[in-house]
Amino acid sequence: MNTCTIPAGYRPRLDAYQTQLAISLIKKTFQHEFSQALNLKRVSAPLFVTHDSGLNDNLNGYERPVSFDIPAVGREAEVVHSLAKWKRLALKNYGFTVGEGLYTDMNAIRRDEALDNLHSLYVDQWDWEKIITRKTRTVEYLKSTVVSIINAICDTNDRVRAAFPQLGFTPSREVSFITTQELEDLYPDLSPNERENRYLAEHSTAFIMQIGGVLRSGKPHDGRAPDYDDWALNGDIFFWNETLGRALEISSMGIRVDEESLDRQLRISGHDERRTYPFHKMLLAGELPLTIGGGIGQSRLCMLMMQCAHIGEVQSSVWDEETVRICSAAGVRLL
């Protein structure tokens, strides 16, 4: 079900062209800051992959990819949901070594997305992946990478506020780390989304860890595909969004599955058929590098720093008539 709520009294802080200038500054500055912090090199990435490659991400398992036939090739292709698997294969193909990584623009279409202030049919993010060692497949290394990304976000925001003093977003560099089980124990009577909101209202910058596995309640905090993140070594970066009065997820990331965790998670999730895909065969055979990686939402980062009420203020997409009506009545420009 689509929902759209514009806070009472909300007005955009930038005019139409200032908005475009700010979007450009945020994207240019952040990709420089975070690529330097994590030692990442920019590469080109596909908009679509073939279905039988097994490279597409099935996200929570129910989203249908946008697919089409290619008569000239004689195969079926799918618009990517994410590049989680493709990036790992690319690191091998580029010959990158330990400590080196890549980042790229990822553009996707999520046809089954429920539309609201934060969700669009169009997804734009920086996808990144970096080679690590077996010794660094640890919670400590995951946390240190999170801190580096958050510092890059804060450094970018400092630059943006200097250019546009009318913006007032002030993120905290102090990160609160918590697991999904700890979060459930704190707020057992709340839904996962309500837990995130309650926690971020008290801790304005947080990394919620270990997403995908079943909690003691018998339910997972959220769904995760079994074949990219290790469910014990992943998480989401959140900031408190004062404009909307709620938690805003900026990044989903994690240390990727190795042979053991892939075998376990395929079995738990009931997706043993994926073992026949080329990517999965290589991974199970130990032929792919061990990595950490994730995606960082471009429009969401712009929305957060520019204190926007709706993601349509910073990206062009297609919206239902009710959303258009509500935004128009509130003086909100949808690009």
C-alpha atoms as a PDB file:
ATOM      1  CA  MET A   1       0.000   0.000   0.000  1.00  0.00           C
ATOM      2  CA  ASN A   2       1.350   3.429  -0.959  1.00  0.00           C
ATOM      3  CA  THR A   3       1.603   6.077   1.759  1.00  0.00           C
ATOM      4  CA  CYS A   4       2.757   9.692   1.748  1.00  0.00           C
ATOM      5  CA  THR A   5       2.754  12.087   4.689  1.00  0.00           C
ATOM      6  CA  ILE A   6       4.179  15.605   4.546  1.00  0.00           C
ATOM      7  CA  PRO A   7       4.884  17.087   8.000  1.00  0.00           C
ATOM      8  CA  ALA A   8       2.778  20.103   8.911  1.00  0.00           C
ATOM      9  CA  GLY A   9       4.520  23.353   8.069  1.00  0.00           C
ATOM     10  CA  TYR A  10       7.219  21.693   5.968  1.00  0.00           C
ATOM     11  CA  ARG A  11       8.849  23.847   3.291  1.00  0.00           C
ATOM     12  CA  PRO A  12      11.855  22.938   1.114  1.00  0.00           C
ATOM     13  CA  ARG A  13      14.978  24.771   2.266  1.00  0.00           C
ATOM     14  CA  LEU A  14      16.362  25.146  -1.274  1.00  0.00           C
ATOM     15  CA  ASP A  15      14.733  26.404  -4.447  1.00  0.00           C
ATOM     16  CA  ALA A  16      14.541  24.293  -7.610  1.00  0.00           C
ATOM     17  CA  TYR A  17      17.980  25.093  -9.036  1.00  0.00           C
ATOM     18  CA  GLN A  18      19.719  25.198  -5.646  1.00  0.00           C
ATOM     19  CA  THR A  19      18.389  21.687  -5.166  1.00  0.00           C
ATOM     20  CA  GLN A  20      20.160  20.549  -8.326  1.00  0.00           C
ATOM     21  CA  LEU A  21      23.398  22.243  -7.261  1.00  0.00           C
ATOM     22  CA  ALA A  22      23.233  20.624  -3.826  1.00  0.00           C
ATOM     23  CA  ILE A  23      22.565  17.163  -5.287  1.00  0.00           C
ATOM     24  CA  SER A  24      25.611  17.542  -7.529  1.00  0.00           C
ATOM     25  CA  LEU A  25      27.824  18.729  -4.652  1.00  0.00           C
ATOM     26  CA  ILE A  26      26.734  15.902  -2.340  1.00  0.00           C
ATOM     27  CA  LYS A  27      27.333  13.182  -4.908  1.00  0.00           C
ATOM     28  CA  LYS A  28      30.667  14.557  -6.099  1.00  0.00           C
ATOM     29  CA  THR A  29      31.998  15.167  -2.581  1.00  0.00           C
ATOM     30  CA  PHE A  30      30.830  11.954  -0.963  1.00  0.00           C
ATOM     31  CA  GLN A  31      32.110   9.555  -3.604  1.00  0.00           C
ATOM     32  CA  HIS A  32      35.519  11.225  -3.311  1.00  0.00           C
ATOM     33  CA  GLU A  33      35.541  11.097   0.505  1.00  0.00           C
ATOM     34  CA  PHE A  34      34.400   7.504   0.881  1.00  0.00           C
ATOM     35  CA  SER A  35      36.481   6.085  -1.982  1.00  0.00           C
ATOM     36  CA  GLN A  36      39.575   7.670  -0.414  1.00  0.00           C
ATOM     37  CA  ALA A  37      38.659   6.366   3.048  1.00  0.00           C
ATOM     38  CA  LEU A  38      38.157   2.771   1.860  1.00  0.00           C
ATOM     39  CA  ASN A  39      40.739   2.687  -0.984  1.00  0.00           C
ATOM     40  CA  LEU A  40      38.175   2.109  -3.744  1.00  0.00           C
ATOM     41  CA  LYS A  41      38.525   2.604  -7.502  1.00  0.00           C
ATOM     42  CA  ARG A  42      35.626   3.545  -9.743  1.00  0.00           C
ATOM     43  CA  VAL A  43      34.442   1.018 -12.370  1.00  0.00           C
ATOM     44  CA  SER A  44      31.553   0.635 -14.807  1.00  0.00           C
ATOM     45  CA  ALA A  45      28.698  -1.733 -13.982  1.00  0.00           C
ATOM     46  CA  PRO A  46      25.845  -3.466 -15.821  1.00  0.00           C
ATOM     47  CA  LEU A  47      22.244  -2.267 -15.819  1.00  0.00           C
ATOM     48  CA  PHE A  48      21.045  -5.829 -16.445  1.00  0.00           C
ATOM     49  CA  VAL A  49      22.337  -9.399 -16.219  1.00  0.00           C
ATOM     50  CA  THR A  50      21.106 -12.726 -17.596  1.00  0.00           C
ATOM     51  CA  HIS A  51      18.764 -14.730 -15.404  1.00  0.00           C
ATOM     52  CA  ASP A  52      20.783 -17.940 -15.603  1.00  0.00           C
ATOM     53  CA  SER A  53      23.989 -16.266 -14.382  1.00  0.00           C
ATOM     54  CA  GLY A  54      22.653 -16.220 -10.813  1.00  0.00           C
ATOM     55  CA  LEU A  55      24.205 -12.759 -10.386  1.00  0.00           C
ATOM     56  CA  ASN A  56      21.001 -10.863  -9.615  1.00  0.00           C
ATOM     57  CA  ASP A  57      20.088 -10.212  -5.995  1.00  0.00           C
ATOM     58  CA  ASN A  58      16.685 -11.493  -4.908  1.00  0.00           C
ATOM     59  CA  LEU A  59      16.552  -9.039  -1.961  1.00  0.00           C
ATOM     60  CA  ASN A  60      13.812 -10.227   0.401  1.00  0.00           C
ATOM     61  CA  GLY A  61      12.784 -13.028  -1.933  1.00  0.00           C
ATOM     62  CA  TYR A  62       9.448 -11.761  -3.219  1.00  0.00           C
ATOM     63  CA  GLU A  63      10.449  -8.827  -5.461  1.00  0.00           C
ATOM     64  CA  ARG A  64      10.086  -9.553  -9.174  1.00  0.00           C
ATOM     65  CA  PRO A  65      12.919  -8.308 -11.365  1.00  0.00           C
ATOM     66  CA  VAL A  66      12.070  -6.348 -14.492  1.00  0.00           C
ATOM     67  CA  SER A  67      12.884  -8.873 -17.205  1.00  0.00           C
ATOM     68  CA  PHE A  68      12.975  -8.902 -20.991  1.00  0.00           C
ATOM     69  CA  ASP A  69      14.072 -11.173 -23.805  1.00  0.00           C
ATOM     70  CA  ILE A  70      17.042 -10.341 -26.026  1.00  0.00           C
ATOM     71  CA  PRO A  71      16.383 -11.779 -29.496  1.00  0.00           C
ATOM     72  CA  ALA A  72      19.899 -10.959 -30.696  1.00  0.00           C
ATOM     73  CA  VAL A  73      21.386 -13.011 -27.858  1.00  0.00           C
ATOM     74  CA  GLY A  74      18.658 -15.610 -27.409  1.00  0.00           C
ATOM     75  CA  ARG A  75      18.536 -15.229 -23.629  1.00  0.00           C
ATOM     76  CA  GLU A  76      16.411 -13.633 -20.903  1.00  0.00           C
ATOM     77  CA  ALA A  77      17.818 -10.625 -19.059  1.00  0.00           C
ATOM     78  CA  GLU A  78      16.888  -8.947 -15.771  1.00  0.00           C
ATOM     79  CA  VAL A  79      17.423  -5.369 -14.611  1.00  0.00           C
ATOM     80  CA  VAL A  80      19.650  -5.677 -11.551  1.00  0.00           C
ATOM     81  CA  HIS A  81      18.175  -5.384  -8.060  1.00  0.00           C
ATOM     82  CA  SER A  82      21.669  -4.820  -6.738  1.00  0.00           C
ATOM     83  CA  LEU A  83      25.243  -5.659  -7.716  1.00  0.00           C
ATOM     84  CA  ALA A  84      26.175  -7.589  -4.574  1.00  0.00           C
ATOM     85  CA  LYS A  85      27.353 -10.693  -6.437  1.00  0.00           C
ATOM     86  CA  TRP A  86      28.545  -8.995  -9.625  1.00  0.00           C
ATOM     87  CA  LYS A  87      31.005  -6.832  -7.669  1.00  0.00           C
ATOM     88  CA  ARG A  88      32.716  -9.821  -6.100  1.00  0.00           C
ATOM     89  CA  LEU A  89      33.225 -11.447  -9.470  1.00  0.00           C
ATOM     90  CA  ALA A  90      34.465  -8.117 -10.863  1.00  0.00           C
ATOM     91  CA  LEU A  91      37.162  -7.902  -8.174  1.00  0.00           C
ATOM     92  CA  LYS A  92      38.502 -11.255  -9.354  1.00  0.00           C
ATOM     93  CA  ASN A  93      38.319 -10.257 -13.019  1.00  0.00           C
ATOM     94  CA  TYR A  94      40.112  -6.940 -12.415  1.00  0.00           C
ATOM     95  CA  GLY A  95      42.882  -8.704 -10.522  1.00  0.00           C
ATOM     96  CA  PHE A  96      42.468  -6.548  -7.406  1.00  0.00           C
ATOM     97  CA  THR A  97      44.393  -7.615  -4.286  1.00  0.00           C
ATOM     98  CA  VAL A  98      43.785  -7.505  -0.519  1.00  0.00           C
ATOM     99  CA  GLY A  99      42.984  -3.987   0.691  1.00  0.00           C
ATOM    100  CA  GLU A 100      41.808  -2.820  -2.755  1.00  0.00           C
ATOM    101  CA  GLY A 101      38.208  -2.338  -3.762  1.00  0.00           C
ATOM    102  CA  LEU A 102      35.819  -0.868  -6.292  1.00  0.00           C
ATOM    103  CA  TYR A 103      32.737   1.338  -6.338  1.00  0.00           C
ATOM    104  CA  THR A 104      30.199   2.073  -9.034  1.00  0.00           C
ATOM    105  CA  ASP A 105      26.851   3.736  -9.698  1.00  0.00           C
ATOM    106  CA  MET A 106      24.062   1.174  -9.371  1.00  0.00           C
ATOM    107  CA  ASN A 107      20.697   1.999 -10.936  1.00  0.00           C
ATOM    108  CA  ALA A 108      17.770  -0.361 -10.447  1.00  0.00           C
ATOM    109  CA  ILE A 109      14.025  -0.633 -10.902  1.00  0.00           C
ATOM    110  CA  ARG A 110      12.071  -2.174  -8.020  1.00  0.00           C
ATOM    111  CA  ARG A 111       8.671  -2.800  -9.603  1.00  0.00           C
ATOM    112  CA  ASP A 112       7.081  -4.278  -6.447  1.00  0.00           C
ATOM    113  CA  GLU A 113       8.178  -1.504  -4.085  1.00  0.00           C
ATOM    114  CA  ALA A 114       5.459   0.032  -1.915  1.00  0.00           C
ATOM    115  CA  LEU A 115       5.824   3.792  -2.418  1.00  0.00           C
ATOM    116  CA  ASP A 116       6.177   6.202   0.497  1.00  0.00           C
ATOM    117  CA  ASN A 117       8.347   9.137   1.565  1.00  0.00           C
ATOM    118  CA  LEU A 118      11.499   7.000   1.472  1.00  0.00           C
ATOM    119  CA  HIS A 119      10.802   4.384  -1.198  1.00  0.00           C
ATOM    120  CA  SER A 120      10.703   4.791  -4.975  1.00  0.00           C
ATOM    121  CA  LEU A 121      10.485   2.482  -7.970  1.00  0.00           C
ATOM    122  CA  TYR A 122      13.894   3.861  -8.976  1.00  0.00           C
ATOM    123  CA  VAL A 123      16.937   3.017  -6.874  1.00  0.00           C
ATOM    124  CA  ASP A 124      20.268   4.810  -7.186  1.00  0.00           C
ATOM    125  CA  GLN A 125      23.156   3.952  -4.942  1.00  0.00           C
ATOM    126  CA  TRP A 126      26.911   3.630  -4.743  1.00  0.00           C
ATOM    127  CA  ASP A 127      27.676  -0.078  -4.725  1.00  0.00           C
ATOM    128  CA  TRP A 128      31.109  -0.932  -3.358  1.00  0.00           C
ATOM    129  CA  GLU A 129      33.182  -4.033  -2.625  1.00  0.00           C
ATOM    130  CA  LYS A 130      36.637  -4.548  -1.106  1.00  0.00           C
ATOM    131  CA  ILE A 131      38.921  -7.568  -0.760  1.00  0.00           C
ATOM    132  CA  ILE A 132      39.731  -8.663   2.797  1.00  0.00           C
ATOM    133  CA  THR A 133      41.489 -11.625   4.400  1.00  0.00           C
ATOM    134  CA  ARG A 134      40.049 -14.471   6.425  1.00  0.00           C
ATOM    135  CA  LYS A 135      41.570 -12.893   9.548  1.00  0.00           C
ATOM    136  CA  THR A 136      39.601  -9.685   8.946  1.00  0.00           C
ATOM    137  CA  ARG A 137      36.240 -11.458   8.629  1.00  0.00           C
ATOM    138  CA  THR A 138      35.427 -10.082  12.084  1.00  0.00           C
ATOM    139  CA  VAL A 139      32.908  -7.849  13.806  1.00  0.00           C
ATOM    140  CA  GLU A 140      35.747  -5.469  14.718  1.00  0.00           C
ATOM    141  CA  TYR A 141      36.714  -4.958  11.069  1.00  0.00           C
ATOM    142  CA  LEU A 142      33.065  -4.489  10.110  1.00  0.00           C
ATOM    143  CA  LYS A 143      32.658  -1.805  12.777  1.00  0.00           C
ATOM    144  CA  SER A 144      35.823   0.050  11.750  1.00  0.00           C
ATOM    145  CA  THR A 145      34.574   0.176   8.144  1.00  0.00           C
ATOM    146  CA  VAL A 146      31.231   1.552   9.319  1.00  0.00           C
ATOM    147  CA  VAL A 147      33.017   4.320  11.222  1.00  0.00           C
ATOM    148  CA  SER A 148      35.004   5.247   8.091  1.00  0.00           C
ATOM    149  CA  ILE A 149      31.808   5.526   6.028  1.00  0.00           C
ATOM    150  CA  ILE A 150      30.051   7.631   8.661  1.00  0.00           C
ATOM    151  CA  ASN A 151      33.033   9.970   8.880  1.00  0.00           C
ATOM    152  CA  ALA A 152      32.912  10.367   5.078  1.00  0.00           C
ATOM    153  CA  ILE A 153      29.212  11.247   5.360  1.00  0.00           C
ATOM    154  CA  CYS A 154      29.894  13.790   8.088  1.00  0.00           C
ATOM    155  CA  ASP A 155      32.801  15.348   6.160  1.00  0.00           C
ATOM    156  CA  THR A 156      30.551  15.652   3.108  1.00  0.00           C
ATOM    157  CA  ASN A 157      27.814  17.255   5.166  1.00  0.00           C
ATOM    158  CA  ASP A 158      30.279  19.836   6.520  1.00  0.00           C
ATOM    159  CA  ARG A 159      31.112  20.818   2.941  1.00  0.00           C
ATOM    160  CA  VAL A 160      27.455  21.009   1.929  1.00  0.00           C
ATOM    161  CA  ARG A 161      26.464  23.163   4.912  1.00  0.00           C
ATOM    162  CA  ALA A 162      29.320  25.555   4.129  1.00  0.00           C
ATOM    163  CA  ALA A 163      27.920  25.972   0.609  1.00  0.00           C
ATOM    164  CA  PHE A 164      24.262  26.121   1.713  1.00  0.00           C
ATOM    165  CA  PRO A 165      24.043  27.682   5.203  1.00  0.00           C
ATOM    166  CA  GLN A 166      20.242  27.351   5.178  1.00  0.00           C
ATOM    167  CA  LEU A 167      20.631  23.597   5.644  1.00  0.00           C
ATOM    168  CA  GLY A 168      20.715  22.411   9.243  1.00  0.00           C
ATOM    169  CA  PHE A 169      21.399  18.656   9.282  1.00  0.00           C
ATOM    170  CA  THR A 170      24.047  17.896  11.935  1.00  0.00           C
ATOM    171  CA  PRO A 171      24.888  14.169  12.049  1.00  0.00           C
ATOM    172  CA  SER A 172      26.753  12.668  14.990  1.00  0.00           C
ATOM    173  CA  ARG A 173      30.037  10.902  14.311  1.00  0.00           C
ATOM    174  CA  GLU A 174      29.481   8.762  17.408  1.00  0.00           C
ATOM    175  CA  VAL A 175      28.048   5.434  16.217  1.00  0.00           C
ATOM    176  CA  SER A 176      25.906   3.228  18.429  1.00  0.00           C
ATOM    177  CA  PHE A 177      26.302  -0.465  17.556  1.00  0.00           C
ATOM    178  CA  ILE A 178      23.522  -2.914  18.408  1.00  0.00           C
ATOM    179  CA  THR A 179      22.480  -6.360  17.170  1.00  0.00           C
ATOM    180  CA  THR A 180      18.958  -7.164  16.027  1.00  0.00           C
ATOM    181  CA  GLN A 181      18.601  -9.609  18.952  1.00  0.00           C
ATOM    182  CA  GLU A 182      19.620  -6.906  21.432  1.00  0.00           C
ATOM    183  CA  LEU A 183      17.112  -4.596  19.766  1.00  0.00           C
ATOM    184  CA  GLU A 184      14.351  -7.194  20.073  1.00  0.00           C
ATOM    185  CA  ASP A 185      15.245  -7.746  23.726  1.00  0.00           C
ATOM    186  CA  LEU A 186      15.013  -3.991  24.359  1.00  0.00           C
ATOM    187  CA  TYR A 187      11.636  -3.570  22.641  1.00  0.00           C
ATOM    188  CA  PRO A 188       9.969  -7.014  22.488  1.00  0.00           C
ATOM    189  CA  ASP A 189       6.489  -5.582  21.952  1.00  0.00           C
ATOM    190  CA  LEU A 190       7.440  -3.415  18.955  1.00  0.00           C
ATOM    191  CA  SER A 191       7.753  -4.316  15.285  1.00  0.00           C
ATOM    192  CA  PRO A 192      11.255  -4.264  13.735  1.00  0.00           C
ATOM    193  CA  ASN A 193      10.550  -0.894  12.104  1.00  0.00           C
ATOM    194  CA  GLU A 194       9.241   0.552  15.370  1.00  0.00           C
ATOM    195  CA  ARG A 195      12.334  -0.730  17.182  1.00  0.00           C
ATOM    196  CA  GLU A 196      14.569   1.090  14.702  1.00  0.00           C
ATOM    197  CA  ASN A 197      12.650   4.330  15.163  1.00  0.00           C
ATOM    198  CA  ARG A 198      12.695   4.085  18.962  1.00  0.00           C
ATOM    199  CA  TYR A 199      16.416   3.344  19.067  1.00  0.00           C
ATOM    200  CA  LEU A 200      17.419   6.073  16.597  1.00  0.00           C
ATOM    201  CA  ALA A 201      15.359   8.644  18.474  1.00  0.00           C
ATOM    202  CA  GLU A 202      17.767   8.053  21.366  1.00  0.00           C
ATOM    203  CA  HIS A 203      20.959   7.338  19.357  1.00  0.00           C
ATOM    204  CA  SER A 204      21.046   9.595  16.314  1.00  0.00           C
ATOM    205  CA  THR A 205      23.641   7.514  14.426  1.00  0.00           C
ATOM    206  CA  ALA A 206      23.505   3.734  14.640  1.00  0.00           C
ATOM    207  CA  PHE A 207      24.575   0.492  12.989  1.00  0.00           C
ATOM    208  CA  ILE A 208      22.069  -2.322  13.477  1.00  0.00           C
ATOM    209  CA  MET A 209      23.870  -5.646  13.057  1.00  0.00           C
ATOM    210  CA  GLN A 210      23.138  -9.295  12.241  1.00  0.00           C
ATOM    211  CA  ILE A 211      20.206  -9.095   9.839  1.00  0.00           C
ATOM    212  CA  GLY A 212      18.726 -12.132   8.094  1.00  0.00           C
ATOM    213  CA  GLY A 213      18.742 -14.905  10.667  1.00  0.00           C
ATOM    214  CA  VAL A 214      15.793 -15.891  12.854  1.00  0.00           C
ATOM    215  CA  LEU A 215      15.641 -14.207  16.278  1.00  0.00           C
ATOM    216  CA  ARG A 216      14.478 -15.775  19.528  1.00  0.00           C
ATOM    217  CA  SER A 217      10.962 -14.597  18.709  1.00  0.00           C
ATOM    218  CA  GLY A 218      11.019 -16.998  15.765  1.00  0.00           C
ATOM    219  CA  LYS A 219      11.094 -14.209  13.165  1.00  0.00           C
ATOM    220  CA  PRO A 220      13.976 -12.378  11.441  1.00  0.00           C
ATOM    221  CA  HIS A 221      14.406  -8.636  11.958  1.00  0.00           C
ATOM    222  CA  ASP A 222      14.353  -8.240   8.166  1.00  0.00           C
ATOM    223  CA  GLY A 223      14.943 -10.408   5.122  1.00  0.00           C
ATOM    224  CA  ARG A 224      18.355 -10.828   3.500  1.00  0.00           C
ATOM    225  CA  ALA A 225      19.318 -12.955   0.534  1.00  0.00           C
ATOM    226  CA  PRO A 226      21.333 -15.992   1.671  1.00  0.00           C
ATOM    227  CA  ASP A 227      24.117 -15.635  -0.868  1.00  0.00           C
ATOM    228  CA  TYR A 228      25.772 -12.261  -0.351  1.00  0.00           C
ATOM    229  CA  ASP A 229      26.038 -11.068   3.290  1.00  0.00           C
ATOM    230  CA  ASP A 230      27.090 -13.332   6.134  1.00  0.00           C
ATOM    231  CA  TRP A 231      24.079 -12.865   8.429  1.00  0.00           C
ATOM    232  CA  ALA A 232      26.386 -12.816  11.472  1.00  0.00           C
ATOM    233  CA  LEU A 233      28.611 -10.083   9.978  1.00  0.00           C
ATOM    234  CA  ASN A 234      26.305  -7.537   8.349  1.00  0.00           C
ATOM    235  CA  GLY A 235      24.090  -4.590   9.211  1.00  0.00           C
ATOM    236  CA  ASP A 236      22.434  -1.315   8.236  1.00  0.00           C
ATOM    237  CA  ILE A 237      23.615   2.265   8.841  1.00  0.00           C
ATOM    238  CA  PHE A 238      20.868   4.551  10.157  1.00  0.00           C
ATOM    239  CA  PHE A 239      20.587   8.256  10.914  1.00  0.00           C
ATOM    240  CA  TRP A 240      17.777  10.029  12.705  1.00  0.00           C
ATOM    241  CA  ASN A 241      15.742  12.059  10.200  1.00  0.00           C
ATOM    242  CA  GLU A 242      14.463  15.078  12.094  1.00  0.00           C
ATOM    243  CA  THR A 243      12.286  16.260   9.204  1.00  0.00           C
ATOM    244  CA  LEU A 244      10.200  13.068   9.198  1.00  0.00           C
ATOM    245  CA  GLY A 245      10.743  12.158  12.841  1.00  0.00           C
ATOM    246  CA  ARG A 246      11.957   8.654  12.043  1.00  0.00           C
ATOM    247  CA  ALA A 247      15.014   6.487  11.401  1.00  0.00           C
ATOM    248  CA  LEU A 248      16.458   6.647   7.897  1.00  0.00           C
ATOM    249  CA  GLU A 249      18.511   3.743   6.541  1.00  0.00           C
ATOM    250  CA  ILE A 250      21.383   5.000   4.404  1.00  0.00           C
ATOM    251  CA  SER A 251      23.337   1.821   3.793  1.00  0.00           C
ATOM    252  CA  SER A 252      22.996  -1.952   3.866  1.00  0.00           C
ATOM    253  CA  MET A 253      26.411  -3.636   4.052  1.00  0.00           C
ATOM    254  CA  GLY A 254      28.392  -6.489   5.435  1.00  0.00           C
ATOM    255  CA  ILE A 255      31.172  -9.013   5.200  1.00  0.00           C
ATOM    256  CA  ARG A 256      30.200 -11.382   2.417  1.00  0.00           C
ATOM    257  CA  VAL A 257      29.586 -15.092   2.698  1.00  0.00           C
ATOM    258  CA  ASP A 258      32.493 -17.495   2.508  1.00  0.00           C
ATOM    259  CA  GLU A 259      32.168 -21.156   1.565  1.00  0.00           C
ATOM    260  CA  GLU A 260      30.937 -22.190   5.012  1.00  0.00           C
ATOM    261  CA  SER A 261      28.391 -19.435   5.583  1.00  0.00           C
ATOM    262  CA  LEU A 262      27.039 -19.713   2.024  1.00  0.00           C
ATOM    263  CA  ASP A 263      26.525 -23.456   2.461  1.00  0.00           C
ATOM    264  CA  ARG A 264      24.757 -22.883   5.788  1.00  0.00           C
ATOM    265  CA  GLN A 265      22.536 -20.012   4.623  1.00  0.00           C
ATOM    266  CA  LEU A 266      21.476 -21.740   1.401  1.00  0.00           C
ATOM    267  CA  ARG A 267      20.414 -24.732   3.468  1.00  0.00           C
ATOM    268  CA  ILE A 268      18.576 -22.648   6.112  1.00  0.00           C
ATOM    269  CA  SER A 269      16.745 -20.548   3.516  1.00  0.00           C
ATOM    270  CA  GLY A 270      15.755 -23.520   1.357  1.00  0.00           C
ATOM    271  CA  HIS A 271      17.642 -22.307  -1.716  1.00  0.00           C
ATOM    272  CA  ASP A 272      19.930 -25.246  -2.416  1.00  0.00           C
ATOM    273  CA  GLU A 273      19.078 -24.994  -6.124  1.00  0.00           C
ATOM    274  CA  ARG A 274      21.383 -21.967  -6.350  1.00  0.00           C
ATOM    275  CA  ARG A 275      24.400 -24.221  -5.863  1.00  0.00           C
ATOM    276  CA  THR A 276      24.193 -24.964  -9.586  1.00  0.00           C
ATOM    277  CA  TYR A 277      24.665 -21.313 -10.641  1.00  0.00           C
ATOM    278  CA  PRO A 278      28.157 -20.371 -11.942  1.00  0.00           C
ATOM    279  CA  PHE A 279      28.720 -17.686  -9.274  1.00  0.00           C
ATOM    280  CA  HIS A 280      27.739 -20.022  -6.431  1.00  0.00           C
ATOM    281  CA  LYS A 281      29.868 -22.866  -7.769  1.00  0.00           C
ATOM    282  CA  MET A 282      32.915 -20.579  -7.831  1.00  0.00           C
ATOM    283  CA  LEU A 283      32.244 -19.336  -4.335  1.00  0.00           C
ATOM    284  CA  LEU A 284      31.693 -22.795  -2.850  1.00  0.00           C
ATOM    285  CA  ALA A 285      34.918 -23.927  -4.519  1.00  0.00           C
ATOM    286  CA  GLY A 286      36.860 -21.058  -2.924  1.00  0.00           C
ATOM    287  CA  GLU A 287      37.608 -19.418  -6.270  1.00  0.00           C
ATOM    288  CA  LEU A 288      36.375 -15.916  -5.354  1.00  0.00           C
ATOM    289  CA  PRO A 289      38.081 -13.417  -3.020  1.00  0.00           C
ATOM    290  CA  LEU A 290      36.801 -12.828   0.505  1.00  0.00           C
ATOM    291  CA  THR A 291      35.157  -9.408   0.578  1.00  0.00           C
ATOM    292  CA  ILE A 292      33.216  -6.756   2.437  1.00  0.00           C
ATOM    293  CA  GLY A 293      30.784  -4.510   0.604  1.00  0.00           C
ATOM    294  CA  GLY A 294      27.488  -2.712   0.486  1.00  0.00           C
ATOM    295  CA  GLY A 295      25.294  -0.092  -1.058  1.00  0.00           C
ATOM    296  CA  ILE A 296      24.892   3.553  -0.045  1.00  0.00           C
ATOM    297  CA  GLY A 297      21.710   5.282  -1.178  1.00  0.00           C
ATOM    298  CA  GLN A 298      22.468   8.356  -3.272  1.00  0.00           C
ATOM    299  CA  SER A 299      18.987   9.888  -3.180  1.00  0.00           C
ATOM    300  CA  ARG A 300      18.562   9.029   0.486  1.00  0.00           C
ATOM    301  CA  LEU A 301      21.850  10.718   1.365  1.00  0.00           C
ATOM    302  CA  CYS A 302      20.770  13.830  -0.566  1.00  0.00           C
ATOM    303  CA  MET A 303      17.347  13.742   1.072  1.00  0.00           C
ATOM    304  CA  LEU A 304      18.908  13.495   4.537  1.00  0.00           C
ATOM    305  CA  MET A 305      21.457  16.306   4.097  1.00  0.00           C
ATOM    306  CA  MET A 306      18.954  18.609   2.368  1.00  0.00           C
ATOM    307  CA  GLN A 307      16.299  17.859   5.019  1.00  0.00           C
ATOM    308  CA  CYS A 308      13.701  16.874   2.430  1.00  0.00           C
ATOM    309  CA  ALA A 309      10.359  15.333   3.330  1.00  0.00           C
ATOM    310  CA  HIS A 310      10.047  13.118   0.234  1.00  0.00           C
ATOM    311  CA  ILE A 311      12.597  11.235  -1.844  1.00  0.00           C
ATOM    312  CA  GLY A 312      10.899  12.526  -5.002  1.00  0.00           C
ATOM    313  CA  GLU A 313      12.379  15.952  -4.191  1.00  0.00           C
ATOM    314  CA  VAL A 314      15.858  14.656  -5.082  1.00  0.00           C
ATOM    315  CA  GLN A 315      15.203  12.056  -7.827  1.00  0.00           C
ATOM    316  CA  SER A 316      12.978  11.610 -10.855  1.00  0.00           C
ATOM    317  CA  SER A 317      10.555   8.696 -10.723  1.00  0.00           C
ATOM    318  CA  VAL A 318       6.895   7.791 -11.256  1.00  0.00           C
ATOM    319  CA  TRP A 319       4.365   8.324  -8.470  1.00  0.00           C
ATOM    320  CA  ASP A 320       0.748   7.419  -7.845  1.00  0.00           C
ATOM    321  CA  GLU A 321      -1.892  10.149  -8.158  1.00  0.00           C
ATOM    322  CA  GLU A 322      -2.486  10.430  -4.400  1.00  0.00           C
ATOM    323  CA  THR A 323       1.209  11.046  -3.687  1.00  0.00           C
ATOM    324  CA  VAL A 324       1.325  13.725  -6.405  1.00  0.00           C
ATOM    325  CA  ARG A 325      -1.797  15.365  -4.977  1.00  0.00           C
ATOM    326  CA  ILE A 326      -0.510  15.382  -1.383  1.00  0.00           C
ATOM    327  CA  CYS A 327       2.883  16.770  -2.351  1.00  0.00           C
ATOM    328  CA  SER A 328       1.394  19.422  -4.619  1.00  0.00           C
ATOM    329  CA  ALA A 329      -0.976  20.590  -1.875  1.00  0.00           C
ATOM    330  CA  ALA A 330       1.968  20.882   0.549  1.00  0.00           C
ATOM    331  CA  GLY A 331       4.150  22.807  -1.920  1.00  0.00           C
ATOM    332  CA  VAL A 332       6.576  19.892  -2.333  1.00  0.00           C
ATOM    333  CA  ARG A 333       8.303  19.693  -5.752  1.00  0.00           C
ATOM    334  CA  LEU A 334       8.589  16.215  -7.202  1.00  0.00           C
ATOM    335  CA  LEU A 335      11.331  16.103  -9.816  1.00  0.00           C
END
